[in-house]
Each structure stands twice: as C-alpha cells, then as structure tokens.
PDB file of N, CA and C in Angstrom:
ATOM      1  N   UNK A   1     -30.874 -36.251   8.294  1.00  0.00           N
ATOM      2  CA  UNK A   1     -29.906 -37.401   8.086  1.00  0.00           C
ATOM      3  C   UNK A   1     -30.627 -38.432   7.142  1.00  0.00           C
ATOM      4  N   UNK A   2     -29.800 -38.932   6.216  1.00  0.00           N
ATOM      5  CA  UNK A   2     -30.322 -39.808   5.205  1.00  0.00           C
ATOM      6  C   UNK A   2     -30.994 -41.073   5.785  1.00  0.00           C
ATOM      7  N   UNK A   3     -30.347 -41.615   6.802  1.00  0.00           N
ATOM      8  CA  UNK A   3     -30.902 -42.846   7.394  1.00  0.00           C
ATOM      9  C   UNK A   3     -32.325 -42.604   7.943  1.00  0.00           C
ATOM     10  N   UNK A   4     -32.554 -41.415   8.546  1.00  0.00           N
ATOM     11  CA  UNK A   4     -33.834 -41.107   9.111  1.00  0.00           C
ATOM     12  C   UNK A   4     -34.896 -41.017   8.011  1.00  0.00           C
ATOM     13  N   UNK A   5     -34.543 -40.408   6.881  1.00  0.00           N
ATOM     14  CA  UNK A   5     -35.430 -40.271   5.739  1.00  0.00           C
ATOM     15  C   UNK A   5     -35.812 -41.682   5.177  1.00  0.00           C
ATOM     16  N   UNK A   6     -34.772 -42.507   5.039  1.00  0.00           N
ATOM     17  CA  UNK A   6     -34.980 -43.860   4.538  1.00  0.00           C
ATOM     18  C   UNK A   6     -35.794 -44.637   5.502  1.00  0.00           C
ATOM     19  N   UNK A   7     -35.471 -44.550   6.753  1.00  0.00           N
ATOM     20  CA  UNK A   7     -36.168 -45.268   7.866  1.00  0.00           C
ATOM     21  C   UNK A   7     -37.651 -44.911   7.823  1.00  0.00           C
ATOM     22  N   UNK A   8     -37.987 -43.602   7.725  1.00  0.00           N
ATOM     23  CA  UNK A   8     -39.365 -43.174   7.703  1.00  0.00           C
ATOM     24  C   UNK A   8     -40.087 -43.718   6.474  1.00  0.00           C
ATOM     25  N   UNK A   9     -39.385 -43.701   5.315  1.00  0.00           N
ATOM     26  CA  UNK A   9     -40.022 -44.171   4.086  1.00  0.00           C
ATOM     27  C   UNK A   9     -40.305 -45.663   4.216  1.00  0.00           C
ATOM     28  N   UNK A  10     -39.348 -46.438   4.714  1.00  0.00           N
ATOM     29  CA  UNK A  10     -39.519 -47.875   4.880  1.00  0.00           C
ATOM     30  C   UNK A  10     -40.664 -48.142   5.828  1.00  0.00           C
ATOM     31  N   UNK A  11     -40.691 -47.470   6.949  1.00  0.00           N
ATOM     32  CA  UNK A  11     -41.743 -47.704   7.972  1.00  0.00           C
ATOM     33  C   UNK A  11     -43.138 -47.352   7.377  1.00  0.00           C
ATOM     34  N   UNK A  12     -43.215 -46.291   6.612  1.00  0.00           N
ATOM     35  CA  UNK A  12     -44.460 -45.948   5.976  1.00  0.00           C
ATOM     36  C   UNK A  12     -44.854 -46.981   4.973  1.00  0.00           C
ATOM     37  N   UNK A  13     -43.911 -47.411   4.182  1.00  0.00           N
ATOM     38  CA  UNK A  13     -44.194 -48.460   3.168  1.00  0.00           C
ATOM     39  C   UNK A  13     -44.712 -49.726   3.790  1.00  0.00           C
ATOM     40  N   UNK A  14     -44.145 -50.084   4.898  1.00  0.00           N
ATOM     41  CA  UNK A  14     -44.492 -51.347   5.599  1.00  0.00           C
ATOM     42  C   UNK A  14     -45.603 -51.168   6.594  1.00  0.00           C
ATOM     43  N   UNK A  15     -46.015 -49.909   6.818  1.00  0.00           N
ATOM     44  CA  UNK A  15     -47.036 -49.576   7.834  1.00  0.00           C
ATOM     45  C   UNK A  15     -46.633 -50.180   9.171  1.00  0.00           C
ATOM     46  N   UNK A  16     -45.385 -49.850   9.602  1.00  0.00           N
ATOM     47  CA  UNK A  16     -44.940 -50.300  10.870  1.00  0.00           C
ATOM     48  C   UNK A  16     -44.313 -49.121  11.622  1.00  0.00           C
ATOM     49  N   UNK A  17     -43.973 -49.322  12.873  1.00  0.00           N
ATOM     50  CA  UNK A  17     -43.370 -48.311  13.688  1.00  0.00           C
ATOM     51  C   UNK A  17     -41.967 -48.042  13.210  1.00  0.00           C
ATOM     52  N   UNK A  18     -41.614 -46.763  13.127  1.00  0.00           N
ATOM     53  CA  UNK A  18     -40.280 -46.388  12.664  1.00  0.00           C
ATOM     54  C   UNK A  18     -39.147 -46.977  13.484  1.00  0.00           C
ATOM     55  N   UNK A  19     -39.441 -47.232  14.768  1.00  0.00           N
ATOM     56  CA  UNK A  19     -38.416 -47.816  15.679  1.00  0.00           C
ATOM     57  C   UNK A  19     -38.062 -49.274  15.286  1.00  0.00           C
ATOM     58  N   UNK A  20     -38.946 -49.907  14.546  1.00  0.00           N
ATOM     59  CA  UNK A  20     -38.659 -51.298  14.085  1.00  0.00           C
ATOM     60  C   UNK A  20     -37.613 -51.341  12.989  1.00  0.00           C
ATOM     61  N   UNK A  21     -37.341 -50.212  12.335  1.00  0.00           N
ATOM     62  CA  UNK A  21     -36.417 -50.159  11.199  1.00  0.00           C
ATOM     63  C   UNK A  21     -35.080 -49.664  11.706  1.00  0.00           C
ATOM     64  N   UNK A  22     -34.094 -50.524  11.704  1.00  0.00           N
ATOM     65  CA  UNK A  22     -32.728 -50.204  12.188  1.00  0.00           C
ATOM     66  C   UNK A  22     -31.751 -50.419  11.105  1.00  0.00           C
ATOM     67  N   UNK A  23     -30.565 -49.836  11.258  1.00  0.00           N
ATOM     68  CA  UNK A  23     -29.535 -49.977  10.219  1.00  0.00           C
ATOM     69  C   UNK A  23     -29.252 -51.474   9.909  1.00  0.00           C
ATOM     70  N   UNK A  24     -29.224 -52.262  10.958  1.00  0.00           N
ATOM     71  CA  UNK A  24     -28.851 -53.658  10.764  1.00  0.00           C
ATOM     72  C   UNK A  24     -30.033 -54.518  10.349  1.00  0.00           C
ATOM     73  N   UNK A  25     -31.190 -53.967  10.281  1.00  0.00           N
ATOM     74  CA  UNK A  25     -32.430 -54.736   9.848  1.00  0.00           C
ATOM     75  C   UNK A  25     -32.207 -55.252   8.451  1.00  0.00           C
ATOM     76  N   UNK A  26     -32.531 -56.527   8.272  1.00  0.00           N
ATOM     77  CA  UNK A  26     -32.459 -57.100   6.911  1.00  0.00           C
ATOM     78  C   UNK A  26     -33.825 -56.890   6.282  1.00  0.00           C
ATOM     79  N   UNK A  27     -33.829 -56.858   5.016  1.00  0.00           N
ATOM     80  CA  UNK A  27     -35.108 -56.715   4.291  1.00  0.00           C
ATOM     81  C   UNK A  27     -35.995 -57.970   4.587  1.00  0.00           C
ATOM     82  N   UNK A  28     -35.325 -59.122   4.672  1.00  0.00           N
ATOM     83  CA  UNK A  28     -36.034 -60.371   4.959  1.00  0.00           C
ATOM     84  C   UNK A  28     -36.743 -60.279   6.315  1.00  0.00           C
ATOM     85  N   UNK A  29     -36.050 -59.786   7.326  1.00  0.00           N
ATOM     86  CA  UNK A  29     -36.560 -59.683   8.667  1.00  0.00           C
ATOM     87  C   UNK A  29     -37.747 -58.685   8.731  1.00  0.00           C
ATOM     88  N   UNK A  30     -37.717 -57.710   7.831  1.00  0.00           N
ATOM     89  CA  UNK A  30     -38.779 -56.745   7.796  1.00  0.00           C
ATOM     90  C   UNK A  30     -39.953 -57.179   6.852  1.00  0.00           C
ATOM     91  N   UNK A  31     -39.747 -58.297   6.157  1.00  0.00           N
ATOM     92  CA  UNK A  31     -40.804 -58.815   5.275  1.00  0.00           C
ATOM     93  C   UNK A  31     -40.786 -58.156   3.925  1.00  0.00           C
ATOM     94  N   UNK A  32     -39.647 -57.593   3.522  1.00  0.00           N
ATOM     95  CA  UNK A  32     -39.515 -56.889   2.216  1.00  0.00           C
ATOM     96  C   UNK A  32     -39.011 -57.888   1.219  1.00  0.00           C
ATOM     97  N   UNK A  33     -39.748 -58.076   0.130  1.00  0.00           N
ATOM     98  CA  UNK A  33     -39.322 -58.897  -0.967  1.00  0.00           C
ATOM     99  C   UNK A  33     -38.756 -58.063  -2.069  1.00  0.00           C
ATOM    100  N   UNK A  34     -38.306 -58.681  -3.156  1.00  0.00           N
ATOM    101  CA  UNK A  34     -37.691 -57.911  -4.240  1.00  0.00           C
ATOM    102  C   UNK A  34     -38.592 -56.871  -4.839  1.00  0.00           C
ATOM    103  N   UNK A  35     -39.890 -57.150  -4.954  1.00  0.00           N
ATOM    104  CA  UNK A  35     -40.808 -56.165  -5.500  1.00  0.00           C
ATOM    105  C   UNK A  35     -40.931 -54.977  -4.552  1.00  0.00           C
ATOM    106  N   UNK A  36     -41.003 -55.250  -3.245  1.00  0.00           N
ATOM    107  CA  UNK A  36     -41.082 -54.193  -2.243  1.00  0.00           C
ATOM    108  C   UNK A  36     -39.809 -53.319  -2.334  1.00  0.00           C
ATOM    109  N   UNK A  37     -38.645 -53.967  -2.539  1.00  0.00           N
ATOM    110  CA  UNK A  37     -37.370 -53.199  -2.633  1.00  0.00           C
ATOM    111  C   UNK A  37     -37.430 -52.231  -3.814  1.00  0.00           C
ATOM    112  N   UNK A  38     -37.903 -52.693  -4.941  1.00  0.00           N
ATOM    113  CA  UNK A  38     -37.990 -51.819  -6.094  1.00  0.00           C
ATOM    114  C   UNK A  38     -38.990 -50.684  -5.848  1.00  0.00           C
ATOM    115  N   UNK A  39     -40.099 -50.983  -5.243  1.00  0.00           N
ATOM    116  CA  UNK A  39     -41.081 -49.927  -4.916  1.00  0.00           C
ATOM    117  C   UNK A  39     -40.448 -48.937  -3.929  1.00  0.00           C
ATOM    118  N   UNK A  40     -39.698 -49.418  -2.933  1.00  0.00           N
ATOM    119  CA  UNK A  40     -39.007 -48.480  -1.977  1.00  0.00           C
ATOM    120  C   UNK A  40     -38.037 -47.556  -2.701  1.00  0.00           C
ATOM    121  N   UNK A  41     -37.276 -48.146  -3.626  1.00  0.00           N
ATOM    122  CA  UNK A  41     -36.317 -47.277  -4.326  1.00  0.00           C
ATOM    123  C   UNK A  41     -37.051 -46.243  -5.149  1.00  0.00           C
ATOM    124  N   UNK A  42     -38.207 -46.584  -5.725  1.00  0.00           N
ATOM    125  CA  UNK A  42     -38.984 -45.628  -6.449  1.00  0.00           C
ATOM    126  C   UNK A  42     -39.530 -44.531  -5.551  1.00  0.00           C
ATOM    127  N   UNK A  43     -39.986 -44.936  -4.351  1.00  0.00           N
ATOM    128  CA  UNK A  43     -40.458 -43.936  -3.356  1.00  0.00           C
ATOM    129  C   UNK A  43     -39.326 -43.011  -2.886  1.00  0.00           C
ATOM    130  N   UNK A  44     -38.134 -43.606  -2.738  1.00  0.00           N
ATOM    131  CA  UNK A  44     -37.040 -42.797  -2.300  1.00  0.00           C
ATOM    132  C   UNK A  44     -36.579 -41.830  -3.413  1.00  0.00           C
ATOM    133  N   UNK A  45     -36.601 -42.317  -4.647  1.00  0.00           N
ATOM    134  CA  UNK A  45     -36.314 -41.426  -5.793  1.00  0.00           C
ATOM    135  C   UNK A  45     -37.178 -40.191  -5.740  1.00  0.00           C
ATOM    136  N   UNK A  46     -38.471 -40.405  -5.498  1.00  0.00           N
ATOM    137  CA  UNK A  46     -39.376 -39.282  -5.454  1.00  0.00           C
ATOM    138  C   UNK A  46     -39.094 -38.405  -4.221  1.00  0.00           C
ATOM    139  N   UNK A  47     -38.919 -38.998  -3.123  1.00  0.00           N
ATOM    140  CA  UNK A  47     -38.678 -38.259  -1.867  1.00  0.00           C
ATOM    141  C   UNK A  47     -37.412 -37.453  -1.894  1.00  0.00           C
ATOM    142  N   UNK A  48     -36.388 -38.004  -2.521  1.00  0.00           N
ATOM    143  CA  UNK A  48     -35.037 -37.388  -2.529  1.00  0.00           C
ATOM    144  C   UNK A  48     -34.784 -36.675  -3.811  1.00  0.00           C
ATOM    145  N   UNK A  49     -35.738 -36.687  -4.734  1.00  0.00           N
ATOM    146  CA  UNK A  49     -35.561 -36.050  -6.062  1.00  0.00           C
ATOM    147  C   UNK A  49     -34.247 -36.502  -6.699  1.00  0.00           C
ATOM    148  N   UNK A  50     -34.121 -37.830  -6.829  1.00  0.00           N
ATOM    149  CA  UNK A  50     -32.904 -38.450  -7.282  1.00  0.00           C
ATOM    150  C   UNK A  50     -33.223 -39.634  -8.155  1.00  0.00           C
ATOM    151  N   UNK A  51     -32.529 -39.785  -9.224  1.00  0.00           N
ATOM    152  CA  UNK A  51     -32.743 -40.956 -10.109  1.00  0.00           C
ATOM    153  C   UNK A  51     -31.747 -42.063  -9.745  1.00  0.00           C
ATOM    154  N   UNK A  52     -32.285 -43.232  -9.367  1.00  0.00           N
ATOM    155  CA  UNK A  52     -31.426 -44.343  -8.954  1.00  0.00           C
ATOM    156  C   UNK A  52     -31.853 -45.544  -9.697  1.00  0.00           C
ATOM    157  N   UNK A  53     -30.847 -46.261 -10.282  1.00  0.00           N
ATOM    158  CA  UNK A  53     -31.105 -47.557 -10.874  1.00  0.00           C
ATOM    159  C   UNK A  53     -30.618 -48.620  -9.911  1.00  0.00           C
ATOM    160  N   UNK A  54     -31.509 -49.514  -9.482  1.00  0.00           N
ATOM    161  CA  UNK A  54     -31.132 -50.543  -8.570  1.00  0.00           C
ATOM    162  C   UNK A  54     -30.308 -51.528  -9.313  1.00  0.00           C
ATOM    163  N   UNK A  55     -28.987 -51.424  -9.173  1.00  0.00           N
ATOM    164  CA  UNK A  55     -28.065 -52.244  -9.958  1.00  0.00           C
ATOM    165  C   UNK A  55     -27.360 -53.334  -9.141  1.00  0.00           C
ATOM    166  N   UNK A  56     -27.903 -53.619  -7.963  1.00  0.00           N
ATOM    167  CA  UNK A  56     -27.282 -54.674  -7.109  1.00  0.00           C
ATOM    168  C   UNK A  56     -28.303 -55.150  -6.089  1.00  0.00           C
ATOM    169  N   UNK A  57     -27.992 -56.253  -5.471  1.00  0.00           N
ATOM    170  CA  UNK A  57     -28.837 -56.799  -4.433  1.00  0.00           C
ATOM    171  C   UNK A  57     -28.493 -56.130  -3.116  1.00  0.00           C
ATOM    172  N   UNK A  58     -29.510 -55.750  -2.366  1.00  0.00           N
ATOM    173  CA  UNK A  58     -29.320 -55.082  -1.083  1.00  0.00           C
ATOM    174  C   UNK A  58     -29.919 -56.043  -0.031  1.00  0.00           C
ATOM    175  N   UNK A  59     -29.190 -56.225   1.043  1.00  0.00           N
ATOM    176  CA  UNK A  59     -29.699 -57.127   2.127  1.00  0.00           C
ATOM    177  C   UNK A  59     -30.194 -56.412   3.359  1.00  0.00           C
ATOM    178  N   UNK A  60     -29.602 -55.285   3.715  1.00  0.00           N
ATOM    179  CA  UNK A  60     -29.986 -54.570   4.910  1.00  0.00           C
ATOM    180  C   UNK A  60     -30.330 -53.142   4.667  1.00  0.00           C
ATOM    181  N   UNK A  61     -30.866 -52.529   5.676  1.00  0.00           N
ATOM    182  CA  UNK A  61     -31.117 -51.050   5.539  1.00  0.00           C
ATOM    183  C   UNK A  61     -29.776 -50.329   5.421  1.00  0.00           C
ATOM    184  N   UNK A  62     -28.783 -50.762   6.078  1.00  0.00           N
ATOM    185  CA  UNK A  62     -27.458 -50.125   5.922  1.00  0.00           C
ATOM    186  C   UNK A  62     -27.005 -50.188   4.453  1.00  0.00           C
ATOM    187  N   UNK A  63     -27.225 -51.323   3.816  1.00  0.00           N
ATOM    188  CA  UNK A  63     -26.895 -51.452   2.378  1.00  0.00           C
ATOM    189  C   UNK A  63     -27.641 -50.432   1.529  1.00  0.00           C
ATOM    190  N   UNK A  64     -28.946 -50.233   1.895  1.00  0.00           N
ATOM    191  CA  UNK A  64     -29.757 -49.284   1.152  1.00  0.00           C
ATOM    192  C   UNK A  64     -29.241 -47.863   1.341  1.00  0.00           C
ATOM    193  N   UNK A  65     -28.868 -47.573   2.625  1.00  0.00           N
ATOM    194  CA  UNK A  65     -28.373 -46.185   2.905  1.00  0.00           C
ATOM    195  C   UNK A  65     -27.070 -45.964   2.113  1.00  0.00           C
ATOM    196  N   UNK A  66     -26.176 -46.950   2.099  1.00  0.00           N
ATOM    197  CA  UNK A  66     -24.935 -46.783   1.365  1.00  0.00           C
ATOM    198  C   UNK A  66     -25.192 -46.611  -0.118  1.00  0.00           C
ATOM    199  N   UNK A  67     -26.124 -47.443  -0.625  1.00  0.00           N
ATOM    200  CA  UNK A  67     -26.483 -47.333  -2.065  1.00  0.00           C
ATOM    201  C   UNK A  67     -26.966 -45.960  -2.439  1.00  0.00           C
ATOM    202  N   UNK A  68     -27.881 -45.413  -1.591  1.00  0.00           N
ATOM    203  CA  UNK A  68     -28.396 -44.081  -1.858  1.00  0.00           C
ATOM    204  C   UNK A  68     -27.289 -43.027  -1.764  1.00  0.00           C
ATOM    205  N   UNK A  69     -26.431 -43.130  -0.757  1.00  0.00           N
ATOM    206  CA  UNK A  69     -25.308 -42.202  -0.643  1.00  0.00           C
ATOM    207  C   UNK A  69     -24.445 -42.216  -1.844  1.00  0.00           C
ATOM    208  N   UNK A  70     -24.154 -43.402  -2.367  1.00  0.00           N
ATOM    209  CA  UNK A  70     -23.341 -43.536  -3.596  1.00  0.00           C
ATOM    210  C   UNK A  70     -24.061 -42.851  -4.782  1.00  0.00           C
ATOM    211  N   UNK A  71     -25.378 -43.074  -4.879  1.00  0.00           N
ATOM    212  CA  UNK A  71     -26.124 -42.458  -6.020  1.00  0.00           C
ATOM    213  C   UNK A  71     -26.175 -40.993  -5.887  1.00  0.00           C
ATOM    214  N   UNK A  72     -26.306 -40.492  -4.660  1.00  0.00           N
ATOM    215  CA  UNK A  72     -26.325 -39.026  -4.427  1.00  0.00           C
ATOM    216  C   UNK A  72     -24.931 -38.425  -4.802  1.00  0.00           C
ATOM    217  N   UNK A  73     -23.899 -39.131  -4.523  1.00  0.00           N
ATOM    218  CA  UNK A  73     -22.539 -38.684  -4.895  1.00  0.00           C
ATOM    219  C   UNK A  73     -22.312 -38.687  -6.387  1.00  0.00           C
ATOM    220  N   UNK A  74     -22.947 -39.638  -7.081  1.00  0.00           N
ATOM    221  CA  UNK A  74     -22.849 -39.732  -8.536  1.00  0.00           C
ATOM    222  C   UNK A  74     -23.490 -38.479  -9.178  1.00  0.00           C
ATOM    223  N   UNK A  75     -24.455 -37.903  -8.516  1.00  0.00           N
ATOM    224  CA  UNK A  75     -25.237 -36.818  -9.116  1.00  0.00           C
ATOM    225  C   UNK A  75     -24.666 -35.458  -8.747  1.00  0.00           C
ATOM    226  N   UNK A  76     -23.601 -35.362  -8.026  1.00  0.00           N
ATOM    227  CA  UNK A  76     -22.999 -34.155  -7.637  1.00  0.00           C
ATOM    228  C   UNK A  76     -22.128 -33.554  -8.740  1.00  0.00           C
TER     229      UNK A  76
END
C-alpha cells in the first residue's frame, strides 16, 4: 500500500517510530519544514522510481499520499 511506503519513508527520514506517522499527521506536527518536504519527495521518487515535481503546498501525510497517487496516475 502506498501509505505504508510513504509512512516508512517519512519515519526513516525523521528517525521516529512508524506508528507516529498517521494519515492525519501534519508536517508541522511531525517537525517537517519545507526543505524536509522537498527531501522527502526526492526520497520517494527514488523509492517509487517515479519523477515528481512538487508543484503545490502539502500540509498532511494524506495530502502527500494523494499527491503521489496523482503523479503515479500521470505516468501510466
């Protein structure tokens, strides 16, 4: 599942327990700033073998999941 992959990547990036990363978690509550968000997208690009241009602001993990799903759909 895409959420699980993103969740694991975020947890690894933040060096936190994967259980702390929930769909409703905001980047702010996780301590993720704009630079971290860009780095996360780069890590996800590599993990998912997908090219994504971060073309909008994302506030939550759910926003990130939706963004990645849209980008995956664009590449089909």
